[in-house]
Amino acid sequence: QVQLVESGGGFVQPGGSLRLSCAASGRIFSINVMGWYRQAPGKQRELVAKITSGAEIPTYTASVKGRFTISKNNNNNALYLQMSDLKPEDTAVYYCNLNQEFNNYWGQGTQVTVSS
């Protein structure tokens, strides 16, 4: 099994910044992709950013390009999301995701609230 634990969420004013972290542990041996998803109240969970293993190419959903940066520490498989210029529409629960072989693993989520 794989365990993912997110941290770093909180309350921030518009234009502010937060850095989310995801600690991965357990039977990790062949990661395909790690990423961040978010789910706002009444909405479906959506991909925010992901990074593929090997080529380490990040991809972002259009609404966060230029504001968010995803990164990964390959030594311990930690995943990060640096979020800048936050907007109220970024308010959501953010989830860490790890895809290994044909399995998807999720963390418990961390709340990000952007409000004045």
C-alpha atoms as a PDB file:
ATOM      1  CA  GLN A   1       0.000   0.000   0.000  1.00  0.00           C
ATOM      2  CA  VAL A   2       0.934   3.628  -0.515  1.00  0.00           C
ATOM      3  CA  GLN A   3       0.169   6.428   1.911  1.00  0.00           C
ATOM      4  CA  LEU A   4      -0.005  10.080   0.923  1.00  0.00           C
ATOM      5  CA  VAL A   5      -0.226  12.896   3.445  1.00  0.00           C
ATOM      6  CA  GLU A   6      -0.804  16.479   2.340  1.00  0.00           C
ATOM      7  CA  SER A   7       0.034  19.585   4.331  1.00  0.00           C
ATOM      8  CA  GLY A   8       0.381  23.312   3.844  1.00  0.00           C
ATOM      9  CA  GLY A   9      -3.190  24.354   3.199  1.00  0.00           C
ATOM     10  CA  GLY A  10      -4.788  27.296   4.938  1.00  0.00           C
ATOM     11  CA  PHE A  11      -6.492  30.628   4.635  1.00  0.00           C
ATOM     12  CA  VAL A  12      -4.953  33.321   2.460  1.00  0.00           C
ATOM     13  CA  GLN A  13      -6.055  36.620   0.958  1.00  0.00           C
ATOM     14  CA  PRO A  14      -6.302  37.076  -2.813  1.00  0.00           C
ATOM     15  CA  GLY A  15      -2.872  37.588  -4.308  1.00  0.00           C
ATOM     16  CA  GLY A  16      -1.220  35.562  -1.574  1.00  0.00           C
ATOM     17  CA  SER A  17       0.861  32.404  -1.764  1.00  0.00           C
ATOM     18  CA  LEU A  18       0.852  28.939  -0.260  1.00  0.00           C
ATOM     19  CA  ARG A  19       3.052  25.891  -0.663  1.00  0.00           C
ATOM     20  CA  LEU A  20       1.460  22.472  -0.454  1.00  0.00           C
ATOM     21  CA  SER A  21       3.482  19.379   0.376  1.00  0.00           C
ATOM     22  CA  CYS A  22       2.706  15.701  -0.070  1.00  0.00           C
ATOM     23  CA  ALA A  23       4.681  13.055   1.786  1.00  0.00           C
ATOM     24  CA  ALA A  24       4.582   9.624   0.157  1.00  0.00           C
ATOM     25  CA  SER A  25       5.402   6.367   1.929  1.00  0.00           C
ATOM     26  CA  GLY A  26       4.783   2.660   1.632  1.00  0.00           C
ATOM     27  CA  ARG A  27       5.353   0.317  -1.310  1.00  0.00           C
ATOM     28  CA  ILE A  28       6.586   2.811  -3.860  1.00  0.00           C
ATOM     29  CA  PHE A  29       8.628   1.265  -6.616  1.00  0.00           C
ATOM     30  CA  SER A  30       7.497   2.452 -10.051  1.00  0.00           C
ATOM     31  CA  ILE A  31       5.704   5.769 -10.125  1.00  0.00           C
ATOM     32  CA  ASN A  32       4.103   6.732 -13.406  1.00  0.00           C
ATOM     33  CA  VAL A  33       2.683  10.105 -12.487  1.00  0.00           C
ATOM     34  CA  MET A  34       2.224  12.252  -9.397  1.00  0.00           C
ATOM     35  CA  GLY A  35      -0.119  15.163  -9.339  1.00  0.00           C
ATOM     36  CA  TRP A  36      -2.356  17.582  -7.515  1.00  0.00           C
ATOM     37  CA  TYR A  37      -6.116  17.644  -7.897  1.00  0.00           C
ATOM     38  CA  ARG A  38      -8.683  19.890  -6.288  1.00  0.00           C
ATOM     39  CA  GLN A  39     -12.363  19.778  -5.527  1.00  0.00           C
ATOM     40  CA  ALA A  40     -14.453  22.831  -4.791  1.00  0.00           C
ATOM     41  CA  PRO A  41     -17.879  22.561  -3.109  1.00  0.00           C
ATOM     42  CA  GLY A  42     -20.471  21.302  -5.557  1.00  0.00           C
ATOM     43  CA  LYS A  43     -17.912  20.640  -8.273  1.00  0.00           C
ATOM     44  CA  GLN A  44     -16.110  17.614  -9.612  1.00  0.00           C
ATOM     45  CA  ARG A  45     -12.532  16.896  -8.700  1.00  0.00           C
ATOM     46  CA  GLU A  46     -10.202  18.360 -11.313  1.00  0.00           C
ATOM     47  CA  LEU A  47      -6.569  18.026 -12.205  1.00  0.00           C
ATOM     48  CA  VAL A  48      -4.462  21.015 -11.201  1.00  0.00           C
ATOM     49  CA  ALA A  49      -0.983  19.870 -12.158  1.00  0.00           C
ATOM     50  CA  LYS A  50       0.921  16.653 -12.705  1.00  0.00           C
ATOM     51  CA  ILE A  51       4.441  15.537 -13.319  1.00  0.00           C
ATOM     52  CA  THR A  52       5.478  12.370 -15.079  1.00  0.00           C
ATOM     53  CA  SER A  53       8.345  10.233 -13.881  1.00  0.00           C
ATOM     54  CA  GLY A  54      11.395   9.909 -16.076  1.00  0.00           C
ATOM     55  CA  ALA A  55      10.962  12.915 -18.314  1.00  0.00           C
ATOM     56  CA  GLU A  56       9.720  14.939 -15.304  1.00  0.00           C
ATOM     57  CA  ILE A  57       7.541  17.033 -17.562  1.00  0.00           C
ATOM     58  CA  PRO A  58       4.978  19.113 -15.677  1.00  0.00           C
ATOM     59  CA  THR A  59       1.562  19.928 -17.042  1.00  0.00           C
ATOM     60  CA  TYR A  60      -0.968  22.377 -15.670  1.00  0.00           C
ATOM     61  CA  THR A  61      -4.596  23.126 -16.087  1.00  0.00           C
ATOM     62  CA  ALA A  62      -5.051  26.395 -17.959  1.00  0.00           C
ATOM     63  CA  SER A  63      -6.420  28.361 -15.015  1.00  0.00           C
ATOM     64  CA  VAL A  64      -3.250  27.946 -12.935  1.00  0.00           C
ATOM     65  CA  LYS A  65      -0.538  28.253 -15.600  1.00  0.00           C
ATOM     66  CA  GLY A  66       1.970  30.896 -14.667  1.00  0.00           C
ATOM     67  CA  ARG A  67       0.790  30.960 -11.054  1.00  0.00           C
ATOM     68  CA  PHE A  68       1.383  27.423  -9.769  1.00  0.00           C
ATOM     69  CA  THR A  69       4.541  25.324  -9.929  1.00  0.00           C
ATOM     70  CA  ILE A  70       4.654  21.584  -9.289  1.00  0.00           C
ATOM     71  CA  SER A  71       7.866  19.884  -8.238  1.00  0.00           C
ATOM     72  CA  LYS A  72       8.981  16.494  -6.958  1.00  0.00           C
ATOM     73  CA  ASN A  73      11.844  15.272  -4.808  1.00  0.00           C
ATOM     74  CA  ASN A  74      12.923  11.993  -6.372  1.00  0.00           C
ATOM     75  CA  ASN A  75      14.929  11.016  -3.303  1.00  0.00           C
ATOM     76  CA  ASN A  76      11.864  10.636  -1.118  1.00  0.00           C
ATOM     77  CA  ASN A  77       9.002  10.983  -3.624  1.00  0.00           C
ATOM     78  CA  ALA A  78       7.703  14.116  -1.939  1.00  0.00           C
ATOM     79  CA  LEU A  79       5.507  16.302  -4.102  1.00  0.00           C
ATOM     80  CA  TYR A  80       5.041  20.050  -3.843  1.00  0.00           C
ATOM     81  CA  LEU A  81       2.772  22.694  -5.264  1.00  0.00           C
ATOM     82  CA  GLN A  82       3.875  26.307  -5.014  1.00  0.00           C
ATOM     83  CA  MET A  83       0.823  28.499  -5.483  1.00  0.00           C
ATOM     84  CA  SER A  84       1.139  32.225  -6.098  1.00  0.00           C
ATOM     85  CA  ASP A  85      -1.282  35.026  -6.953  1.00  0.00           C
ATOM     86  CA  LEU A  86      -4.074  32.991  -5.439  1.00  0.00           C
ATOM     87  CA  LYS A  87      -7.631  33.817  -6.429  1.00  0.00           C
ATOM     88  CA  PRO A  88     -10.951  33.099  -4.697  1.00  0.00           C
ATOM     89  CA  GLU A  89     -11.711  30.545  -7.409  1.00  0.00           C
ATOM     90  CA  ASP A  90      -8.696  28.532  -6.226  1.00  0.00           C
ATOM     91  CA  THR A  91     -10.587  27.734  -3.030  1.00  0.00           C
ATOM     92  CA  ALA A  92     -10.923  23.966  -2.776  1.00  0.00           C
ATOM     93  CA  VAL A  93      -9.687  20.843  -1.066  1.00  0.00           C
ATOM     94  CA  TYR A  94      -6.402  19.903  -2.698  1.00  0.00           C
ATOM     95  CA  TYR A  95      -5.502  16.229  -3.062  1.00  0.00           C
ATOM     96  CA  CYS A  96      -2.210  14.555  -3.801  1.00  0.00           C
ATOM     97  CA  ASN A  97      -2.327  11.681  -6.287  1.00  0.00           C
ATOM     98  CA  LEU A  98       0.159   8.960  -7.121  1.00  0.00           C
ATOM     99  CA  ASN A  99      -0.251   6.567 -10.019  1.00  0.00           C
ATOM    100  CA  GLN A 100       1.834   3.427  -9.868  1.00  0.00           C
ATOM    101  CA  GLU A 101       1.402   0.585 -12.321  1.00  0.00           C
ATOM    102  CA  PHE A 102      -2.397   0.446 -12.614  1.00  0.00           C
ATOM    103  CA  ASN A 103      -3.241   1.811  -9.178  1.00  0.00           C
ATOM    104  CA  ASN A 104      -4.240   5.306  -8.110  1.00  0.00           C
ATOM    105  CA  TYR A 105      -3.580   6.481  -4.578  1.00  0.00           C
ATOM    106  CA  TRP A 106      -5.001   9.573  -2.878  1.00  0.00           C
ATOM    107  CA  GLY A 107      -4.238  11.594   0.198  1.00  0.00           C
ATOM    108  CA  GLN A 108      -6.867  12.867   2.579  1.00  0.00           C
ATOM    109  CA  GLY A 109      -6.735  16.384   1.175  1.00  0.00           C
ATOM    110  CA  THR A 110      -5.846  19.808   2.527  1.00  0.00           C
ATOM    111  CA  GLN A 111      -8.165  22.804   2.482  1.00  0.00           C
ATOM    112  CA  VAL A 112      -7.132  25.987   0.689  1.00  0.00           C
ATOM    113  CA  THR A 113      -9.361  29.018   1.197  1.00  0.00           C
ATOM    114  CA  VAL A 114      -8.743  32.274  -0.650  1.00  0.00           C
ATOM    115  CA  SER A 115     -10.851  35.145   0.598  1.00  0.00           C
ATOM    116  CA  SER A 116     -10.658  38.763   1.588  1.00  0.00           C
END
